[in-house]
Protein backbone atom coordinates (compact mmCIF):
# COMPACT_ATOMS: atom_id res chain seq x y z
CA MET A 1 -17.00 -12.93 19.03
CA GLN A 2 -15.14 -14.01 15.91
CA SER A 3 -17.96 -13.97 13.37
CA ASP A 4 -17.01 -10.49 12.12
CA ARG A 5 -13.45 -11.57 11.38
CA LEU A 6 -12.16 -11.11 7.84
CA LEU A 7 -8.98 -12.59 6.39
CA LEU A 8 -7.57 -10.94 3.27
CA ARG A 9 -5.16 -13.03 1.21
CA GLY A 10 -2.73 -11.63 -1.33
CA ARG A 11 0.74 -10.22 -1.78
CA ILE A 12 1.43 -7.74 1.03
CA LEU A 13 3.63 -4.63 1.07
CA THR A 14 4.02 -2.35 4.09
CA PHE A 15 6.77 0.01 5.23
CA ARG A 16 8.69 0.31 8.51
CA SER A 17 10.78 3.30 7.45
CA GLU A 18 11.50 5.35 4.34
CA PRO A 19 13.69 3.35 1.93
CA GLN A 20 17.05 5.06 1.57
CA SER A 21 17.96 3.23 -1.65
CA PRO A 22 16.50 0.63 -4.02
CA ASP A 23 18.35 -2.04 -2.02
CA ASP A 24 17.06 -0.98 1.40
CA THR A 25 15.01 -4.11 2.05
CA SER A 26 15.05 -3.43 5.81
CA ALA A 27 12.63 -0.53 5.25
CA TYR A 28 9.68 -2.66 4.21
CA THR A 29 7.96 -6.02 4.56
CA TYR A 30 6.91 -7.88 1.44
CA ILE A 31 5.10 -11.22 1.69
CA GLU A 32 4.44 -13.16 -1.50
CA ASP A 33 1.55 -15.24 -0.06
CA GLY A 34 0.40 -13.06 2.79
CA ALA A 35 -2.68 -12.49 4.88
CA LEU A 36 -4.26 -9.80 7.01
CA LEU A 37 -6.68 -10.72 9.78
CA ILE A 38 -9.18 -7.94 10.47
CA ALA A 39 -11.92 -7.36 13.03
CA GLY A 40 -13.58 -4.27 14.44
CA GLY A 41 -11.98 -2.08 11.79
CA VAL A 42 -8.46 -2.96 12.99
CA ILE A 43 -5.72 -5.24 11.68
CA LEU A 44 -5.28 -8.03 14.23
CA ALA A 45 -2.51 -9.98 12.53
CA ARG A 46 -0.26 -9.89 9.48
CA GLY A 47 2.00 -12.58 8.11
CA THR A 48 2.18 -15.47 5.72
CA TYR A 49 -1.17 -17.02 4.87
CA ASN A 50 -0.24 -20.29 6.56
CA ASP A 51 0.72 -18.49 9.78
CA VAL A 52 -2.30 -16.20 9.95
CA ILE A 53 -4.95 -18.89 9.35
CA ALA A 54 -3.83 -20.54 12.59
CA GLU A 55 -5.40 -17.67 14.54
CA ALA A 56 -8.21 -16.79 12.12
CA GLY A 57 -10.99 -18.66 13.93
CA GLU A 58 -14.20 -18.46 11.91
CA ALA A 59 -12.97 -15.67 9.68
CA ARG A 60 -14.32 -15.25 6.18
CA VAL A 61 -11.51 -15.41 3.62
CA VAL A 62 -11.27 -13.02 0.67
CA ASP A 63 -8.64 -14.09 -1.83
CA HIS A 64 -7.12 -11.17 -3.73
CA ARG A 65 -4.26 -13.11 -5.31
CA PRO A 66 -2.30 -12.26 -7.41
CA HIS A 67 -2.89 -8.61 -6.50
CA LEU A 68 -0.87 -6.45 -4.13
CA LEU A 69 -2.27 -5.19 -0.79
CA THR A 70 -0.91 -1.92 0.63
CA ALA A 71 -2.07 0.62 3.17
CA GLY A 72 -4.73 3.00 1.89
CA PHE A 73 -3.49 6.17 0.21
CA ILE A 74 -3.46 9.49 2.11
CA ASP A 75 -4.17 12.79 0.32
CA THR A 76 -2.89 15.68 2.43
CA HIS A 77 -4.23 18.69 0.47
CA ILE A 78 -7.49 18.71 -1.48
CA HIS A 79 -10.32 21.19 -2.01
CA PHE A 80 -13.70 19.52 -1.48
CA PRO A 81 -15.76 22.36 -3.10
CA GLN A 82 -13.72 22.22 -6.31
CA VAL A 83 -14.91 18.82 -7.53
CA GLN A 84 -16.81 20.34 -10.45
CA ILE A 85 -14.09 22.70 -11.66
CA ILE A 86 -11.26 20.21 -12.08
CA ALA A 87 -10.00 20.49 -15.68
CA SER A 88 -11.15 24.09 -16.10
CA TRP A 89 -9.08 25.76 -18.81
CA GLY A 90 -6.06 27.25 -17.15
CA ALA A 91 -4.63 30.49 -16.04
CA GLN A 92 -2.18 31.12 -13.24
CA LEU A 93 -3.14 30.97 -9.60
CA LEU A 94 -4.87 34.29 -8.82
CA ASP A 95 -6.76 34.45 -12.13
CA TRP A 96 -7.81 30.80 -11.74
CA LEU A 97 -9.17 31.47 -8.26
CA ASN A 98 -11.20 34.47 -9.38
CA THR A 99 -12.46 32.90 -12.62
CA TYR A 100 -13.35 29.40 -11.45
CA THR A 101 -12.81 28.68 -7.78
CA PHE A 102 -14.58 31.50 -6.01
CA PRO A 103 -17.76 31.43 -8.14
CA GLU A 104 -17.96 27.65 -7.69
CA GLU A 105 -17.50 27.79 -3.93
CA THR A 106 -20.39 30.23 -3.53
CA ARG A 107 -22.70 27.32 -4.48
CA PHE A 108 -21.80 25.60 -1.21
CA ALA A 109 -23.96 28.06 0.71
CA ASP A 110 -26.70 25.56 -0.21
CA ASP A 111 -26.50 22.71 2.33
CA GLY A 112 -28.24 20.33 -0.08
CA HIS A 113 -25.65 20.98 -2.76
CA ALA A 114 -22.84 20.51 -0.25
CA ALA A 115 -24.26 17.17 0.88
CA ALA A 116 -24.68 15.93 -2.70
CA MET A 117 -21.13 16.94 -3.60
CA ALA A 118 -19.74 15.32 -0.44
CA SER A 119 -21.17 11.96 -1.50
CA ARG A 120 -19.67 12.27 -4.99
CA PHE A 121 -16.37 13.51 -3.56
CA PHE A 122 -15.86 10.50 -1.31
CA ASP A 123 -16.97 8.13 -4.06
CA LEU A 124 -14.16 9.52 -6.21
CA LEU A 125 -11.56 9.35 -3.47
CA ILE A 126 -12.34 5.73 -2.68
CA SER A 127 -12.43 4.70 -6.33
CA HIS A 128 -8.87 6.00 -6.63
CA GLY A 129 -7.63 4.25 -3.48
CA THR A 130 -7.62 7.25 -1.15
CA THR A 131 -8.82 6.35 2.34
CA THR A 132 -7.79 9.51 4.23
CA SER A 133 -8.17 13.10 3.00
CA VAL A 134 -7.12 16.48 4.36
CA ALA A 135 -9.65 18.86 2.85
CA TYR A 136 -10.45 22.54 2.57
CA CYS A 137 -14.19 23.10 2.69
CA SER A 138 -15.79 26.39 1.61
CA VAL A 139 -16.32 29.40 3.86
CA HIS A 140 -19.75 28.06 4.75
CA LYS A 141 -20.12 26.09 7.96
CA GLY A 142 -22.57 23.76 6.21
CA SER A 143 -19.91 22.63 3.73
CA ALA A 144 -17.71 21.39 6.57
CA ASN A 145 -20.66 19.67 8.22
CA ALA A 146 -21.43 17.91 4.92
CA TYR A 147 -17.81 16.78 4.57
CA PHE A 148 -17.63 15.36 8.08
CA GLN A 149 -21.09 13.82 7.98
CA GLU A 150 -20.33 11.89 4.80
CA ALA A 151 -16.97 10.74 6.15
CA GLU A 152 -18.65 9.61 9.36
CA ARG A 153 -21.21 7.62 7.37
CA ARG A 154 -18.33 5.78 5.66
CA ASP A 155 -16.22 5.53 8.85
CA MET A 156 -13.28 7.25 7.15
CA ARG A 157 -10.40 8.93 8.94
CA VAL A 158 -10.42 12.50 7.68
CA ILE A 159 -9.14 15.98 8.45
CA GLY A 160 -10.89 19.14 7.28
CA GLY A 161 -12.09 22.61 8.04
CA LYS A 162 -14.08 25.55 6.75
CA VAL A 163 -11.87 28.22 5.23
CA LEU A 164 -11.45 31.56 6.96
CA MET A 165 -11.57 34.39 4.41
CA ASP A 166 -12.81 37.90 5.09
CA ARG A 167 -11.39 39.89 2.15
CA ASN A 168 -10.45 39.69 -1.53
CA ALA A 169 -13.32 37.33 -2.31
CA PRO A 170 -16.83 37.81 -3.78
CA ASP A 171 -19.99 38.55 -1.85
CA GLY A 172 -21.29 35.35 -0.32
CA LEU A 173 -17.80 33.96 0.10
CA ARG A 174 -16.53 36.04 2.99
CA ASP A 175 -16.93 35.67 6.72
CA THR A 176 -15.75 38.05 9.45
CA PRO A 177 -13.00 37.60 12.02
CA GLN A 178 -15.53 36.92 14.76
CA GLY A 179 -17.92 34.94 12.55
CA GLY A 180 -15.10 32.75 11.24
CA TYR A 181 -13.93 32.13 14.81
CA ASP A 182 -17.43 31.27 16.01
CA ASP A 183 -18.14 28.89 13.12
CA SER A 184 -14.76 27.18 13.52
CA LYS A 185 -15.27 26.85 17.26
CA GLU A 186 -18.66 25.21 16.74
CA LEU A 187 -17.26 22.83 14.11
CA ILE A 188 -14.34 21.88 16.36
CA ASN A 189 -16.72 21.11 19.19
CA SER A 190 -18.94 19.06 16.87
CA TRP A 191 -16.33 17.08 14.97
CA HIS A 192 -12.78 17.15 16.28
CA GLY A 193 -12.03 13.80 17.87
CA LYS A 194 -15.45 12.41 17.03
CA GLY A 195 -14.96 8.94 15.58
CA ARG A 196 -12.18 9.19 12.99
CA ALA A 197 -12.48 12.96 12.38
CA HIS A 198 -9.94 15.71 13.04
CA TYR A 199 -10.46 19.44 12.55
CA ALA A 200 -8.07 21.72 10.68
CA ILE A 201 -8.13 25.45 11.43
CA THR A 202 -8.04 26.82 7.88
CA PRO A 203 -7.12 30.39 6.98
CA ARG A 204 -7.27 29.95 3.21
CA PHE A 205 -4.17 32.02 2.62
CA ALA A 206 -2.82 35.38 3.65
CA ILE A 207 -4.38 37.24 0.72
CA THR A 208 -7.95 36.39 1.78
CA SER A 209 -7.56 37.08 5.51
CA THR A 210 -7.14 40.42 7.24
CA PRO A 211 -4.71 40.80 10.14
CA GLU A 212 -7.76 40.78 12.43
CA GLN A 213 -8.77 37.37 11.11
CA MET A 214 -5.22 36.06 11.47
CA VAL A 215 -5.35 37.11 15.11
CA MET A 216 -8.52 35.05 15.56
CA ALA A 217 -6.92 32.08 13.78
CA GLY A 218 -4.06 32.33 16.26
CA VAL A 219 -6.55 32.35 19.14
CA LEU A 220 -8.15 29.17 17.77
CA VAL A 221 -4.75 27.50 17.51
CA ALA A 222 -3.87 28.48 21.08
CA GLU A 223 -7.22 27.20 22.36
CA HIS A 224 -7.07 23.96 20.35
CA PRO A 225 -3.41 22.94 20.01
CA ASP A 226 -4.41 19.39 19.07
CA CYS A 227 -6.21 20.61 15.94
CA PHE A 228 -4.41 20.72 12.61
CA VAL A 229 -3.76 24.00 10.78
CA GLN A 230 -3.74 24.21 6.98
CA THR A 231 -3.12 27.02 4.52
CA HIS A 232 -1.15 27.87 1.37
CA LEU A 233 2.37 29.20 1.06
CA SER A 234 4.50 30.53 -1.80
CA GLU A 235 2.72 28.82 -4.66
CA ASN A 236 3.12 31.63 -7.17
CA ARG A 237 5.42 34.65 -7.37
CA ASN A 238 2.56 37.10 -7.96
CA GLU A 239 0.83 35.64 -4.90
CA ILE A 240 3.96 36.24 -2.83
CA ALA A 241 4.28 39.84 -4.03
CA TYR A 242 0.62 40.60 -3.27
CA THR A 243 0.90 39.01 0.16
CA LEU A 244 3.84 41.25 1.05
CA GLU A 245 1.88 44.30 -0.13
CA LEU A 246 -0.94 43.35 2.23
CA TYR A 247 1.46 42.55 5.10
CA PRO A 248 4.34 45.04 4.65
CA GLU A 249 5.61 44.39 8.16
CA ALA A 250 6.24 40.70 7.43
CA ARG A 251 9.82 39.56 6.82
CA ASP A 252 8.55 37.13 4.14
CA TYR A 253 5.40 35.16 3.27
CA LEU A 254 5.83 32.54 5.99
CA ASP A 255 6.30 35.24 8.58
CA VAL A 256 2.66 36.27 8.08
CA TYR A 257 1.65 32.94 9.61
CA GLN A 258 4.55 32.76 12.03
CA ARG A 259 3.85 36.09 13.71
CA TYR A 260 0.29 34.95 14.52
CA GLY A 261 1.48 31.75 16.18
CA LEU A 262 0.26 29.29 13.55
CA LEU A 263 3.43 27.29 12.90
CA SER A 264 3.94 23.88 14.50
CA GLU A 265 4.18 20.20 13.57
CA LYS A 266 0.38 20.31 13.15
CA MET A 267 0.60 22.82 10.28
CA LEU A 268 0.33 21.82 6.62
CA LEU A 269 1.51 24.39 4.07
CA GLY A 270 0.30 23.69 0.56
CA HIS A 271 2.86 24.15 -2.26
CA SER A 272 5.82 25.87 -0.50
CA ILE A 273 7.69 26.26 -3.78
CA HIS A 274 9.39 29.67 -3.83
CA LEU A 275 10.92 29.77 -0.35
CA GLU A 276 13.52 32.11 1.11
CA ASN A 277 16.34 30.75 3.25
CA ARG A 278 14.81 32.22 6.40
CA GLU A 279 11.52 30.50 5.65
CA ILE A 280 13.23 27.15 5.19
CA ASP A 281 15.01 27.57 8.52
CA ALA A 282 11.72 28.47 10.20
CA LEU A 283 10.04 25.38 8.76
CA ALA A 284 12.86 23.21 10.11
CA GLU A 285 12.72 24.89 13.52
CA THR A 286 8.93 24.72 13.98
CA GLY A 287 8.29 21.37 12.28
CA ALA A 288 5.62 22.78 9.95
CA ARG A 289 5.00 20.51 6.94
CA PRO A 290 5.27 21.61 3.29
CA VAL A 291 2.89 19.79 0.92
CA PHE A 292 4.02 18.97 -2.63
CA CYS A 293 1.14 19.24 -5.14
CA PRO A 294 2.71 18.19 -8.46
CA THR A 295 -0.23 18.04 -10.87
CA SER A 296 -1.49 21.41 -9.66
CA ASN A 297 1.96 22.99 -9.83
CA LEU A 298 2.29 21.88 -13.46
CA PHE A 299 -1.28 22.81 -14.41
CA LEU A 300 -0.99 26.37 -13.08
CA GLY A 301 2.65 26.76 -14.08
CA SER A 302 3.57 27.51 -10.48
CA GLY A 303 7.07 26.07 -10.21
CA LEU A 304 9.14 23.09 -9.07
CA PHE A 305 9.02 21.77 -5.50
CA ASP A 306 12.48 21.16 -4.01
CA ASP A 307 11.86 17.91 -2.12
CA ALA A 308 15.50 16.96 -1.64
CA GLY A 309 16.56 20.44 -0.57
CA LEU A 310 13.90 20.63 2.12
CA LYS A 311 14.52 17.09 3.34
CA ALA A 312 18.22 17.89 3.66
CA LYS A 313 17.22 20.49 6.26
CA GLY A 314 15.29 17.86 8.24
CA ILE A 315 11.88 19.00 6.99
CA THR A 316 9.07 16.46 6.57
CA ASN A 317 7.29 16.88 3.22
CA ALA A 318 3.82 15.57 2.40
CA ILE A 319 2.40 14.99 -1.10
CA ALA A 320 -1.13 15.60 -2.38
CA THR A 321 -3.47 15.97 -5.35
CA ASP A 322 -4.71 19.55 -4.75
CA ILE A 323 -7.98 18.93 -6.56
CA GLY A 324 -9.32 21.03 -8.33
CA ALA A 325 -6.19 22.76 -9.71
CA GLY A 326 -4.72 19.29 -9.45
CA THR A 327 -5.69 17.23 -12.46
CA SER A 328 -6.21 13.75 -11.00
CA TYR A 329 -7.78 12.24 -7.88
CA SER A 330 -5.23 9.45 -8.16
CA MET A 331 -2.28 9.46 -5.79
CA LEU A 332 -0.61 7.18 -8.34
CA GLN A 333 -0.86 9.88 -11.01
CA THR A 334 0.29 12.38 -8.40
CA LEU A 335 3.44 10.26 -8.02
CA ASN A 336 3.76 10.10 -11.80
CA GLU A 337 3.93 13.88 -12.15
CA GLY A 338 5.94 14.25 -8.96
CA TYR A 339 8.57 11.93 -10.43
CA LYS A 340 8.88 14.20 -13.48
CA ILE A 341 9.11 17.42 -11.46
CA LEU A 342 11.90 15.92 -9.38
CA GLN A 343 13.65 14.61 -12.51
CA LEU A 344 13.85 18.19 -13.79
CA GLN A 345 15.89 19.01 -10.67
CA ASN A 346 18.10 15.91 -10.87
CA GLN A 347 16.24 14.40 -7.91
CA LYS A 348 15.15 10.76 -8.02
CA LEU A 349 11.89 9.26 -6.74
CA HIS A 350 12.36 5.51 -6.54
CA PRO A 351 9.07 3.56 -6.57
CA LEU A 352 9.68 2.17 -3.08
CA GLN A 353 10.12 5.72 -1.79
CA ALA A 354 7.06 6.80 -3.75
CA PHE A 355 4.75 4.20 -2.23
CA HIS A 356 6.15 4.92 1.21
CA TRP A 357 5.34 8.61 0.65
CA ILE A 358 1.62 8.17 -0.13
CA THR A 359 1.14 5.75 2.78
CA ARG A 360 3.38 5.83 5.84
CA GLY A 361 5.18 9.02 4.74
CA ASN A 362 2.01 11.10 4.62
CA ALA A 363 0.85 9.48 7.85
CA ILE A 364 4.07 10.66 9.52
CA ALA A 365 3.50 14.17 8.16
CA LEU A 366 0.11 14.08 9.91
CA GLY A 367 1.43 12.50 13.09
CA LEU A 368 -0.97 9.59 12.57
CA GLU A 369 1.44 6.77 11.72
CA ASP A 370 0.23 4.83 14.76
CA LYS A 371 -3.24 4.70 13.20
CA ILE A 372 -2.94 4.74 9.39
CA GLY A 373 -0.37 4.37 6.63
CA THR A 374 0.91 0.86 7.38
CA LEU A 375 -0.41 -2.68 7.65
CA GLU A 376 0.93 -3.15 11.17
CA PRO A 377 -1.22 -5.11 13.65
CA GLY A 378 -3.15 -2.65 15.79
CA THR A 379 -3.54 -0.05 13.05
CA GLU A 380 -6.78 0.77 11.29
CA ALA A 381 -7.77 -1.51 8.42
CA ASP A 382 -7.62 0.97 5.54
CA ILE A 383 -6.28 -1.14 2.66
CA VAL A 384 -5.91 -0.84 -1.11
CA VAL A 385 -5.76 -3.81 -3.50
CA LEU A 386 -3.65 -2.99 -6.58
CA ASN A 387 -3.76 -4.70 -9.96
CA ALA A 388 -0.62 -3.94 -11.98
CA ARG A 389 -2.19 -5.58 -15.05
CA ALA A 390 -5.38 -3.54 -15.04
CA THR A 391 -4.98 -2.20 -18.58
CA ASP A 392 -3.61 -3.70 -21.77
CA ALA A 393 -0.61 -1.36 -21.67
CA MET A 394 0.16 -2.27 -18.07
CA SER A 395 -0.28 -5.98 -18.71
CA LEU A 396 2.08 -5.85 -21.69
CA ARG A 397 4.70 -3.97 -19.65
CA MET A 398 4.34 -6.40 -16.74
CA GLU A 399 5.36 -9.29 -19.00
CA ARG A 400 8.86 -7.85 -18.74
CA ALA A 401 8.78 -6.81 -15.06
CA ASN A 402 11.06 -8.94 -12.91
CA SER A 403 10.96 -7.33 -9.47
CA LEU A 404 8.68 -5.68 -6.93
CA SER A 405 10.26 -2.31 -7.69
CA GLU A 406 9.49 -2.67 -11.39
CA GLU A 407 5.88 -3.54 -10.60
CA LEU A 408 5.57 -0.53 -8.31
CA PHE A 409 7.00 1.73 -10.99
CA VAL A 410 4.45 0.44 -13.51
CA LEU A 411 1.73 1.28 -10.98
CA GLN A 412 3.30 4.68 -10.27
CA MET A 413 3.56 5.73 -13.90
CA LEU A 414 0.60 4.00 -15.58
CA GLY A 415 -1.83 3.43 -12.73
CA ASP A 416 -5.10 5.22 -12.02
CA ASP A 417 -8.56 4.25 -10.74
CA ARG A 418 -8.61 1.20 -13.05
CA THR A 419 -5.68 -0.15 -11.03
CA ILE A 420 -7.67 -0.07 -7.78
CA ASP A 421 -9.24 -3.52 -7.56
CA GLU A 422 -10.70 -3.06 -4.09
CA VAL A 423 -10.57 -0.64 -1.18
CA TYR A 424 -11.22 -1.42 2.47
CA VAL A 425 -12.15 1.38 4.86
CA ALA A 426 -12.05 0.33 8.50
CA GLY A 427 -12.11 -3.25 7.27
CA ARG A 428 -15.17 -2.91 5.04
CA ALA A 429 -14.99 -3.42 1.28
CA GLN A 430 -16.08 -0.33 -0.64
CA LYS A 431 -15.97 -1.31 -4.32
CA GLY A 432 -17.43 -4.82 -4.42
CA GLY A 433 -14.57 -6.24 -6.48
CA LYS A 434 -14.19 -9.67 -8.06
CA ALA A 435 -12.14 -11.33 -5.31
CA ILE A 436 -13.09 -14.86 -4.26
CA SER A 437 -14.77 -15.03 -0.86
CA TYR A 438 -15.39 -18.19 1.16
CA PRO A 439 -15.47 -19.51 4.73
CA LEU A 440 -12.14 -20.52 6.21
CA GLN A 441 -12.98 -24.23 6.16
CA GLU A 442 -13.65 -24.19 2.42
CA SER A 443 -10.43 -22.25 1.84
CA THR A 444 -8.44 -24.92 3.67
CA GLN A 445 -10.04 -27.66 1.56
CA VAL A 446 -9.25 -25.84 -1.65
CA LEU A 447 -5.61 -25.48 -0.64
CA ALA A 448 -5.37 -29.16 0.24
CA SER A 449 -6.87 -30.40 -3.01
């Protein structure tokens, strides 16, 4: 049947590889008057509008011109239970966790609260153009169930897991090695591979897990090698020192995770700022993925992520918001602050590279580039519609923009949720924007007139 077909018209940008320079036009496809044909949550065809209408059948047309259509944004490190402590007056990492994070996460023992926050959480993600999230839930099994249930209701591709933490946390926010294993096992069986969901085995970080719990995390990884693994690494120098006090046998911070068999291409390591040479070599050897969290790193005064240095070693870096120490749900604002952090190290983030990073680049870091992160036919129809003239300041700047790269840089530096004109998740519009919608026959008549 063709009645569920949808044709989106607008300017189209999608990436085939990471641009190596501003002139690397072979890395991406840009179509001035383009179209995407969608059905069953999947992109069936992409090309010029005139080419795609030939196979559109009875598709309904939604005209997003003059806006830009890209793949949906991917956030690779975010804390679902921290939605109500974003913008809490700062301290550095360990004080911030004890003052704000841990008390807030105890509230997620209430399943009703977790469900209510999950709805608000995904509303915020979508309003900022994020269509895939990799989330830490609280220690409570119910928080992970709420996260996955809400994502399932919206048909979103997500990754997540309940944190494992059995020490150095308040009452009501600790599990046990066996209890954490049992809860994780049950959640994996319930959610991993169900619809668009993936499970992430989630020892919060070395400080909040005993060696006994790390052993159990390693057992989970061995039993479920297709699950993701997520944790934190070398965000703060005091954190590193405390970790080595708790694990005196470890060669360095990363070795705590390495000795328990957690490192692989499925592992995401939030922050990864203050790394030793041996740790960098181990990341390159195992394929584990560092995750750059620029707004959080600035907010907590953690340090500067060395993107170019790690990439030079063949390491694949992801980028993320890290809500709630991160200060914006917007991947555009994440790029804004990331650009500045890299500038401080004489590293450049060209806007073409930036938009590759939050789409196909993050998809590659997750090993999901065959499903999300591009607008290739056969991939899932997660799409963002971007308006580079969404605010007066942006509109004024765009009067002097003369290239796609300039437009992308305006979006990267000045964009936020106001820039997101519409979001499609599995081919379904989520925001109810102002685009013109009409049957294909009417569209053809309008073009001919």
